[in-house]
C-alpha atoms as a PDB file:
ATOM      1  CA  UNK A   1      91.289 132.126  77.778  1.00  0.00           C
ATOM      2  CA  UNK A   2      90.799 132.041  81.364  1.00  0.00           C
ATOM      3  CA  UNK A   3      91.333 135.527  82.097  1.00  0.00           C
ATOM      4  CA  UNK A   4      91.024 138.559  79.573  1.00  0.00           C
ATOM      5  CA  UNK A   5      93.285 141.774  81.094  1.00  0.00           C
ATOM      6  CA  UNK A   6      93.412 144.740  79.784  1.00  0.00           C
ATOM      7  CA  UNK A   7      93.792 148.960  80.975  1.00  0.00           C
ATOM      8  CA  UNK A   8      91.205 152.055  80.703  1.00  0.00           C
ATOM      9  CA  UNK A   9      93.070 154.815  81.927  1.00  0.00           C
ATOM     10  CA  UNK A  10      94.287 153.916  85.436  1.00  0.00           C
ATOM     11  CA  UNK A  11      91.843 150.878  85.598  1.00  0.00           C
ATOM     12  CA  UNK A  12      93.112 147.799  84.844  1.00  0.00           C
ATOM     13  CA  UNK A  13      90.185 145.496  84.127  1.00  0.00           C
ATOM     14  CA  UNK A  14      90.425 141.510  85.021  1.00  0.00           C
ATOM     15  CA  UNK A  15      87.429 139.472  82.952  1.00  0.00           C
ATOM     16  CA  UNK A  16      86.274 135.967  84.217  1.00  0.00           C
ATOM     17  CA  UNK A  17      86.263 134.471  80.379  1.00  0.00           C
ATOM     18  CA  UNK A  18      84.604 130.964  80.033  1.00  0.00           C
ATOM     19  CA  UNK A  19      81.464 132.126  78.745  1.00  0.00           C
ATOM     20  CA  UNK A  20      79.494 128.620  77.328  1.00  0.00           C
ATOM     21  CA  UNK A  21      80.210 127.526  81.103  1.00  0.00           C
ATOM     22  CA  UNK A  22      78.942 130.929  82.576  1.00  0.00           C
ATOM     23  CA  UNK A  23      82.081 131.726  83.653  1.00  0.00           C
ATOM     24  CA  UNK A  24      82.282 128.960  85.795  1.00  0.00           C
ATOM     25  CA  UNK A  25      86.268 128.907  87.114  1.00  0.00           C
ATOM     26  CA  UNK A  26      88.638 126.781  85.452  1.00  0.00           C
ATOM     27  CA  UNK A  27      92.140 126.127  86.387  1.00  0.00           C
ATOM     28  CA  UNK A  28      93.920 128.341  84.336  1.00  0.00           C
ATOM     29  CA  UNK A  29      92.036 131.021  86.250  1.00  0.00           C
ATOM     30  CA  UNK A  30      93.717 129.802  89.608  1.00  0.00           C
ATOM     31  CA  UNK A  31      96.916 131.179  88.577  1.00  0.00           C
ATOM     32  CA  UNK A  32      96.472 133.413  86.114  1.00  0.00           C
ATOM     33  CA  UNK A  33      93.996 136.050  88.502  1.00  0.00           C
ATOM     34  CA  UNK A  34      96.614 135.823  90.992  1.00  0.00           C
ATOM     35  CA  UNK A  35      99.096 136.780  88.655  1.00  0.00           C
ATOM     36  CA  UNK A  36      97.221 139.849  87.061  1.00  0.00           C
ATOM     37  CA  UNK A  37      96.295 141.113  90.556  1.00  0.00           C
ATOM     38  CA  UNK A  38     100.265 141.359  91.153  1.00  0.00           C
ATOM     39  CA  UNK A  39     101.010 143.092  88.031  1.00  0.00           C
ATOM     40  CA  UNK A  40      98.071 145.621  88.432  1.00  0.00           C
ATOM     41  CA  UNK A  41      99.687 145.685  91.849  1.00  0.00           C
ATOM     42  CA  UNK A  42     103.383 146.921  90.766  1.00  0.00           C
ATOM     43  CA  UNK A  43     101.702 148.971  88.255  1.00  0.00           C
ATOM     44  CA  UNK A  44     101.811 152.253  89.372  1.00  0.00           C
ATOM     45  CA  UNK A  45      99.842 153.617  86.470  1.00  0.00           C
ATOM     46  CA  UNK A  46      96.932 151.639  88.139  1.00  0.00           C
ATOM     47  CA  UNK A  47      95.199 152.872  90.841  1.00  0.00           C
ATOM     48  CA  UNK A  48      92.004 150.600  90.331  1.00  0.00           C
ATOM     49  CA  UNK A  49      91.060 146.798  89.635  1.00  0.00           C
ATOM     50  CA  UNK A  50      87.618 146.216  88.168  1.00  0.00           C
ATOM     51  CA  UNK A  51      86.713 142.350  88.220  1.00  0.00           C
ATOM     52  CA  UNK A  52      84.115 141.164  86.058  1.00  0.00           C
ATOM     53  CA  UNK A  53      82.432 137.705  83.958  1.00  0.00           C
ATOM     54  CA  UNK A  54      82.263 137.650  80.016  1.00  0.00           C
ATOM     55  CA  UNK A  55      79.117 138.301  78.805  1.00  0.00           C
ATOM     56  CA  UNK A  56      76.259 138.497  80.817  1.00  0.00           C
ATOM     57  CA  UNK A  57      76.729 136.384  83.650  1.00  0.00           C
ATOM     58  CA  UNK A  58      79.624 137.099  86.585  1.00  0.00           C
ATOM     59  CA  UNK A  59      80.373 133.266  87.332  1.00  0.00           C
ATOM     60  CA  UNK A  60      78.704 130.461  87.920  1.00  0.00           C
ATOM     61  CA  UNK A  61      81.400 128.638  90.278  1.00  0.00           C
ATOM     62  CA  UNK A  62      83.299 125.521  90.259  1.00  0.00           C
ATOM     63  CA  UNK A  63      82.943 122.996  86.971  1.00  0.00           C
ATOM     64  CA  UNK A  64      81.079 120.449  88.580  1.00  0.00           C
ATOM     65  CA  UNK A  65      82.864 118.075  85.627  1.00  0.00           C
ATOM     66  CA  UNK A  66      85.554 119.018  87.742  1.00  0.00           C
ATOM     67  CA  UNK A  67      84.390 118.238  90.780  1.00  0.00           C
ATOM     68  CA  UNK A  68      82.918 115.323  90.585  1.00  0.00           C
ATOM     69  CA  UNK A  69      86.023 113.477  89.993  1.00  0.00           C
ATOM     70  CA  UNK A  70      88.018 115.148  93.159  1.00  0.00           C
ATOM     71  CA  UNK A  71      86.161 111.925  95.030  1.00  0.00           C
ATOM     72  CA  UNK A  72      88.980 109.877  93.580  1.00  0.00           C
ATOM     73  CA  UNK A  73      91.511 111.985  95.085  1.00  0.00           C
ATOM     74  CA  UNK A  74      93.114 112.297  98.458  1.00  0.00           C
ATOM     75  CA  UNK A  75      91.768 114.612 101.240  1.00  0.00           C
ATOM     76  CA  UNK A  76      95.643 116.024 101.108  1.00  0.00           C
ATOM     77  CA  UNK A  77      95.118 116.154  97.128  1.00  0.00           C
ATOM     78  CA  UNK A  78      91.558 117.568  97.333  1.00  0.00           C
ATOM     79  CA  UNK A  79      92.940 120.129  99.602  1.00  0.00           C
ATOM     80  CA  UNK A  80      95.561 121.146  97.283  1.00  0.00           C
ATOM     81  CA  UNK A  81      92.949 121.862  94.716  1.00  0.00           C
ATOM     82  CA  UNK A  82      90.921 123.804  97.180  1.00  0.00           C
ATOM     83  CA  UNK A  83      93.836 126.076  98.010  1.00  0.00           C
ATOM     84  CA  UNK A  84      94.288 127.224  94.741  1.00  0.00           C
ATOM     85  CA  UNK A  85      90.713 128.609  94.719  1.00  0.00           C
ATOM     86  CA  UNK A  86      91.314 130.024  98.254  1.00  0.00           C
ATOM     87  CA  UNK A  87      94.938 131.956  96.745  1.00  0.00           C
ATOM     88  CA  UNK A  88      92.596 133.754  94.436  1.00  0.00           C
ATOM     89  CA  UNK A  89      90.241 134.848  97.612  1.00  0.00           C
ATOM     90  CA  UNK A  90      93.338 135.764  99.489  1.00  0.00           C
ATOM     91  CA  UNK A  91      95.318 137.193  95.710  1.00  0.00           C
ATOM     92  CA  UNK A  92      92.044 140.002  96.208  1.00  0.00           C
ATOM     93  CA  UNK A  93      92.215 140.559  99.609  1.00  0.00           C
ATOM     94  CA  UNK A  94      95.887 141.096  99.658  1.00  0.00           C
ATOM     95  CA  UNK A  95      96.144 143.566  96.730  1.00  0.00           C
ATOM     96  CA  UNK A  96      96.571 147.082  98.054  1.00  0.00           C
ATOM     97  CA  UNK A  97      94.646 148.248  95.102  1.00  0.00           C
ATOM     98  CA  UNK A  98      91.117 148.424  95.691  1.00  0.00           C
ATOM     99  CA  UNK A  99      89.228 145.239  93.450  1.00  0.00           C
ATOM    100  CA  UNK A 100      85.368 145.964  92.239  1.00  0.00           C
ATOM    101  CA  UNK A 101      83.432 143.131  91.303  1.00  0.00           C
ATOM    102  CA  UNK A 102      80.805 144.143  88.245  1.00  0.00           C
ATOM    103  CA  UNK A 103      78.307 141.194  88.489  1.00  0.00           C
ATOM    104  CA  UNK A 104      75.820 140.516  85.447  1.00  0.00           C
ATOM    105  CA  UNK A 105      73.321 137.687  85.183  1.00  0.00           C
ATOM    106  CA  UNK A 106      74.717 135.735  88.461  1.00  0.00           C
ATOM    107  CA  UNK A 107      77.396 135.011  91.323  1.00  0.00           C
ATOM    108  CA  UNK A 108      76.798 131.121  92.221  1.00  0.00           C
ATOM    109  CA  UNK A 109      78.564 129.199  95.109  1.00  0.00           C
ATOM    110  CA  UNK A 110      82.517 130.221  94.502  1.00  0.00           C
ATOM    111  CA  UNK A 111      81.228 132.738  92.067  1.00  0.00           C
ATOM    112  CA  UNK A 112      79.586 134.432  94.821  1.00  0.00           C
ATOM    113  CA  UNK A 113      82.729 133.782  97.225  1.00  0.00           C
ATOM    114  CA  UNK A 114      85.017 135.580  94.435  1.00  0.00           C
ATOM    115  CA  UNK A 115      82.829 138.747  94.584  1.00  0.00           C
ATOM    116  CA  UNK A 116      82.371 138.708  98.312  1.00  0.00           C
ATOM    117  CA  UNK A 117      86.246 139.007  98.615  1.00  0.00           C
ATOM    118  CA  UNK A 118      86.018 142.616  96.239  1.00  0.00           C
ATOM    119  CA  UNK A 119      86.420 145.313  98.007  1.00  0.00           C
ATOM    120  CA  UNK A 120      83.081 146.897  96.680  1.00  0.00           C
ATOM    121  CA  UNK A 121      80.896 145.336  94.450  1.00  0.00           C
ATOM    122  CA  UNK A 122      78.528 146.826  91.441  1.00  0.00           C
ATOM    123  CA  UNK A 123      75.459 144.412  90.228  1.00  0.00           C
ATOM    124  CA  UNK A 124      72.627 144.621  87.881  1.00  0.00           C
ATOM    125  CA  UNK A 125      69.640 144.930  89.515  1.00  0.00           C
ATOM    126  CA  UNK A 126      68.217 142.081  87.587  1.00  0.00           C
ATOM    127  CA  UNK A 127      71.459 140.057  89.161  1.00  0.00           C
ATOM    128  CA  UNK A 128      71.557 136.990  91.744  1.00  0.00           C
ATOM    129  CA  UNK A 129      73.184 135.254  94.660  1.00  0.00           C
ATOM    130  CA  UNK A 130      73.413 132.079  95.207  1.00  0.00           C
ATOM    131  CA  UNK A 131      75.595 129.856  98.112  1.00  0.00           C
ATOM    132  CA  UNK A 132      74.814 127.194  95.619  1.00  0.00           C
ATOM    133  CA  UNK A 133      76.668 124.908  97.602  1.00  0.00           C
ATOM    134  CA  UNK A 134      74.092 122.785  99.524  1.00  0.00           C
ATOM    135  CA  UNK A 135      72.178 121.723  96.267  1.00  0.00           C
ATOM    136  CA  UNK A 136      74.655 119.324  94.865  1.00  0.00           C
ATOM    137  CA  UNK A 137      75.756 118.200  98.665  1.00  0.00           C
ATOM    138  CA  UNK A 138      78.954 120.510  99.584  1.00  0.00           C
ATOM    139  CA  UNK A 139      79.909 123.158 102.116  1.00  0.00           C
ATOM    140  CA  UNK A 140      80.831 126.389 101.199  1.00  0.00           C
ATOM    141  CA  UNK A 141      84.588 127.792 100.176  1.00  0.00           C
ATOM    142  CA  UNK A 142      86.180 130.575  99.014  1.00  0.00           C
ATOM    143  CA  UNK A 143      86.027 132.692 101.976  1.00  0.00           C
ATOM    144  CA  UNK A 144      82.111 132.858 101.564  1.00  0.00           C
ATOM    145  CA  UNK A 145      81.089 132.325 105.107  1.00  0.00           C
ATOM    146  CA  UNK A 146      83.556 134.454 107.024  1.00  0.00           C
ATOM    147  CA  UNK A 147      82.706 137.072 104.474  1.00  0.00           C
ATOM    148  CA  UNK A 148      78.693 136.485 104.753  1.00  0.00           C
ATOM    149  CA  UNK A 149      78.991 137.241 108.570  1.00  0.00           C
ATOM    150  CA  UNK A 150      80.178 140.845 108.279  1.00  0.00           C
ATOM    151  CA  UNK A 151      76.725 141.857 107.139  1.00  0.00           C
ATOM    152  CA  UNK A 152      74.146 138.908 108.685  1.00  0.00           C
ATOM    153  CA  UNK A 153      73.014 137.462 111.265  1.00  0.00           C
ATOM    154  CA  UNK A 154      74.117 133.620 112.151  1.00  0.00           C
ATOM    155  CA  UNK A 155      70.707 132.754 111.457  1.00  0.00           C
ATOM    156  CA  UNK A 156      70.433 134.493 108.017  1.00  0.00           C
ATOM    157  CA  UNK A 157      73.957 132.562 106.900  1.00  0.00           C
ATOM    158  CA  UNK A 158      72.408 129.434 107.642  1.00  0.00           C
ATOM    159  CA  UNK A 159      69.551 130.045 105.973  1.00  0.00           C
ATOM    160  CA  UNK A 160      71.315 131.082 102.844  1.00  0.00           C
ATOM    161  CA  UNK A 161      73.630 128.125 103.155  1.00  0.00           C
ATOM    162  CA  UNK A 162      70.811 125.783 103.975  1.00  0.00           C
ATOM    163  CA  UNK A 163      68.904 126.343 101.278  1.00  0.00           C
ATOM    164  CA  UNK A 164      70.965 127.522  98.459  1.00  0.00           C
ATOM    165  CA  UNK A 165      68.011 129.602  97.252  1.00  0.00           C
ATOM    166  CA  UNK A 166      68.456 132.788  94.537  1.00  0.00           C
ATOM    167  CA  UNK A 167      69.637 136.145  96.833  1.00  0.00           C
ATOM    168  CA  UNK A 168      68.323 139.076  94.215  1.00  0.00           C
ATOM    169  CA  UNK A 169      70.782 141.498  94.456  1.00  0.00           C
ATOM    170  CA  UNK A 170      67.822 143.907  95.812  1.00  0.00           C
ATOM    171  CA  UNK A 171      68.276 142.041  99.100  1.00  0.00           C
ATOM    172  CA  UNK A 172      72.457 142.092  99.074  1.00  0.00           C
ATOM    173  CA  UNK A 173      72.341 145.615  98.253  1.00  0.00           C
ATOM    174  CA  UNK A 174      69.823 145.908 101.274  1.00  0.00           C
ATOM    175  CA  UNK A 175      72.229 144.155 103.594  1.00  0.00           C
ATOM    176  CA  UNK A 176      75.089 146.509 102.416  1.00  0.00           C
ATOM    177  CA  UNK A 177      77.063 143.856 100.721  1.00  0.00           C
ATOM    178  CA  UNK A 178      76.074 145.714  97.318  1.00  0.00           C
ATOM    179  CA  UNK A 179      77.683 149.227  96.980  1.00  0.00           C
ATOM    180  CA  UNK A 180      75.445 149.947  93.600  1.00  0.00           C
ATOM    181  CA  UNK A 181      72.760 148.722  92.290  1.00  0.00           C
ATOM    182  CA  UNK A 182      72.296 149.547  88.496  1.00  0.00           C
ATOM    183  CA  UNK A 183      70.398 148.565  85.339  1.00  0.00           C
ATOM    184  CA  UNK A 184      70.885 145.455  83.408  1.00  0.00           C
ATOM    185  CA  UNK A 185      74.147 145.491  81.699  1.00  0.00           C
ATOM    186  CA  UNK A 186      75.306 148.537  83.386  1.00  0.00           C
ATOM    187  CA  UNK A 187      77.054 146.899  86.250  1.00  0.00           C
ATOM    188  CA  UNK A 188      80.489 147.482  84.205  1.00  0.00           C
ATOM    189  CA  UNK A 189      80.541 150.903  83.782  1.00  0.00           C
ATOM    190  CA  UNK A 190      79.513 151.738  86.793  1.00  0.00           C
ATOM    191  CA  UNK A 191      82.168 149.629  87.920  1.00  0.00           C
ATOM    192  CA  UNK A 192      84.664 151.136  86.036  1.00  0.00           C
ATOM    193  CA  UNK A 193      83.228 155.098  86.789  1.00  0.00           C
ATOM    194  CA  UNK A 194      83.729 154.121  90.585  1.00  0.00           C
ATOM    195  CA  UNK A 195      87.336 152.670  90.124  1.00  0.00           C
ATOM    196  CA  UNK A 196      88.261 155.812  87.841  1.00  0.00           C
ATOM    197  CA  UNK A 197      87.029 157.932  91.065  1.00  0.00           C
ATOM    198  CA  UNK A 198      89.274 156.222  92.959  1.00  0.00           C
ATOM    199  CA  UNK A 199      92.649 156.045  90.370  1.00  0.00           C
ATOM    200  CA  UNK A 200      92.477 159.910  90.219  1.00  0.00           C
ATOM    201  CA  UNK A 201      93.009 159.288  94.283  1.00  0.00           C
ATOM    202  CA  UNK A 202      96.000 159.214  96.488  1.00  0.00           C
ATOM    203  CA  UNK A 203      97.709 155.561  95.720  1.00  0.00           C
ATOM    204  CA  UNK A 204      99.240 155.149  99.356  1.00  0.00           C
ATOM    205  CA  UNK A 205      96.639 156.201 101.393  1.00  0.00           C
ATOM    206  CA  UNK A 206      93.984 153.711  99.467  1.00  0.00           C
ATOM    207  CA  UNK A 207      96.075 151.192 100.229  1.00  0.00           C
ATOM    208  CA  UNK A 208      95.885 151.759 104.143  1.00  0.00           C
ATOM    209  CA  UNK A 209      92.151 152.719 104.188  1.00  0.00           C
ATOM    210  CA  UNK A 210      91.878 148.839 102.693  1.00  0.00           C
ATOM    211  CA  UNK A 211      94.384 147.505 104.529  1.00  0.00           C
ATOM    212  CA  UNK A 212      92.024 149.546 108.144  1.00  0.00           C
ATOM    213  CA  UNK A 213      89.230 148.307 106.778  1.00  0.00           C
ATOM    214  CA  UNK A 214      89.661 144.964 106.307  1.00  0.00           C
ATOM    215  CA  UNK A 215      91.167 145.015 109.491  1.00  0.00           C
ATOM    216  CA  UNK A 216      88.364 146.396 111.759  1.00  0.00           C
ATOM    217  CA  UNK A 217      85.937 143.852 111.475  1.00  0.00           C
ATOM    218  CA  UNK A 218      88.226 141.732 113.603  1.00  0.00           C
ATOM    219  CA  UNK A 219      89.645 143.821 115.802  1.00  0.00           C
ATOM    220  CA  UNK A 220      89.627 145.053 119.152  1.00  0.00           C
ATOM    221  CA  UNK A 221      89.538 148.762 119.735  1.00  0.00           C
ATOM    222  CA  UNK A 222      92.886 148.745 120.599  1.00  0.00           C
ATOM    223  CA  UNK A 223      94.130 147.003 118.374  1.00  0.00           C
ATOM    224  CA  UNK A 224      92.364 149.144 115.233  1.00  0.00           C
ATOM    225  CA  UNK A 225      93.590 152.315 116.979  1.00  0.00           C
ATOM    226  CA  UNK A 226      97.417 151.068 116.975  1.00  0.00           C
ATOM    227  CA  UNK A 227      96.746 150.197 113.568  1.00  0.00           C
ATOM    228  CA  UNK A 228      95.328 153.604 112.517  1.00  0.00           C
ATOM    229  CA  UNK A 229      98.256 155.661 114.415  1.00  0.00           C
ATOM    230  CA  UNK A 230     100.532 153.514 112.803  1.00  0.00           C
ATOM    231  CA  UNK A 231      99.032 154.032 109.138  1.00  0.00           C
ATOM    232  CA  UNK A 232      98.018 157.726 110.031  1.00  0.00           C
ATOM    233  CA  UNK A 233     101.893 157.932 111.012  1.00  0.00           C
ATOM    234  CA  UNK A 234     102.824 156.784 107.759  1.00  0.00           C
ATOM    235  CA  UNK A 235     100.017 159.078 105.243  1.00  0.00           C
ATOM    236  CA  UNK A 236     101.812 162.260 106.947  1.00  0.00           C
ATOM    237  CA  UNK A 237     105.313 161.605 106.024  1.00  0.00           C
ATOM    238  CA  UNK A 238     104.123 161.077 102.362  1.00  0.00           C
ATOM    239  CA  UNK A 239     103.965 163.460  99.072  1.00  0.00           C
ATOM    240  CA  UNK A 240      99.907 162.681  99.373  1.00  0.00           C
ATOM    241  CA  UNK A 241      99.466 164.325 102.531  1.00  0.00           C
ATOM    242  CA  UNK A 242     101.588 167.352 101.151  1.00  0.00           C
ATOM    243  CA  UNK A 243     100.063 167.783  97.606  1.00  0.00           C
ATOM    244  CA  UNK A 244      96.337 167.548  99.366  1.00  0.00           C
ATOM    245  CA  UNK A 245      96.976 169.945 102.270  1.00  0.00           C
ATOM    246  CA  UNK A 246      98.292 172.331  99.752  1.00  0.00           C
ATOM    247  CA  UNK A 247      95.702 171.948  97.359  1.00  0.00           C
ATOM    248  CA  UNK A 248      93.167 172.414 100.153  1.00  0.00           C
ATOM    249  CA  UNK A 249      94.992 175.873 101.258  1.00  0.00           C
ATOM    250  CA  UNK A 250      95.603 177.010  97.716  1.00  0.00           C
ATOM    251  CA  UNK A 251      91.976 176.152  96.868  1.00  0.00           C
ATOM    252  CA  UNK A 252      92.675 173.821  94.298  1.00  0.00           C
ATOM    253  CA  UNK A 253      92.605 170.543  92.870  1.00  0.00           C
ATOM    254  CA  UNK A 254      95.322 167.993  94.336  1.00  0.00           C
ATOM    255  CA  UNK A 255      96.818 166.120  91.506  1.00  0.00           C
ATOM    256  CA  UNK A 256      97.741 162.101  93.110  1.00  0.00           C
ATOM    257  CA  UNK A 257      97.908 161.115  89.303  1.00  0.00           C
ATOM    258  CA  UNK A 258     101.456 163.170  89.048  1.00  0.00           C
ATOM    259  CA  UNK A 259     102.719 161.084  92.314  1.00  0.00           C
ATOM    260  CA  UNK A 260     102.388 157.527  90.967  1.00  0.00           C
ATOM    261  CA  UNK A 261     105.003 155.586  91.291  1.00  0.00           C
ATOM    262  CA  UNK A 262     107.519 158.412  92.845  1.00  0.00           C
ATOM    263  CA  UNK A 263     107.500 156.898  96.259  1.00  0.00           C
END
């Protein structure tokens, strides 16, 4: 079993399940995660997604027993294998619904890459992250350096990648990469609460917000203003905006859930 899928209310929960290897990434996960994200995106009853590991560890990254065999492959063959990991990162980013990582124990190597690719991160206070690639003579992949660059200086990122030391979740929380720091054993529960709050909101607006936030770090002011204008114009024509504005004037809570799948 590589990925366990369940639904809790309006939240789709995806569990990377390989506990005997601290949830190291398996070839089966390469196919299962993008497919599960596509299915969640297509389901109007789903408003948000939580991605976590099975048991007390988020993800130990790539399986070194498999990586050890790649020396015998050609460069194009190696690129194809790496591309399957990168397809998971792209699937998380492309999913129009917010994806929240719930991290217990640790996130190492590509496991850290997967966590950072998510839209929000909830981590247990005793959890750690590590760019462990250098420890086994490898360089980072999975978009790790792109996402680290969003909140670290070049010098800080060099230190994390060149030393591969454990980074306490508390430090990443202070740097802004972790949204919620919670007691051990409660990361999933906190992530579910956060996801439920998001899922109760306007789905189309949430998808546009995700797109804007992803675009902002790589765009000029003019480019971001253009995208904001385009998406605001779309929002103003949505039933969501009609409901939200009407609820404001009527002094009631908006019922966005009733609109799911109707637009």
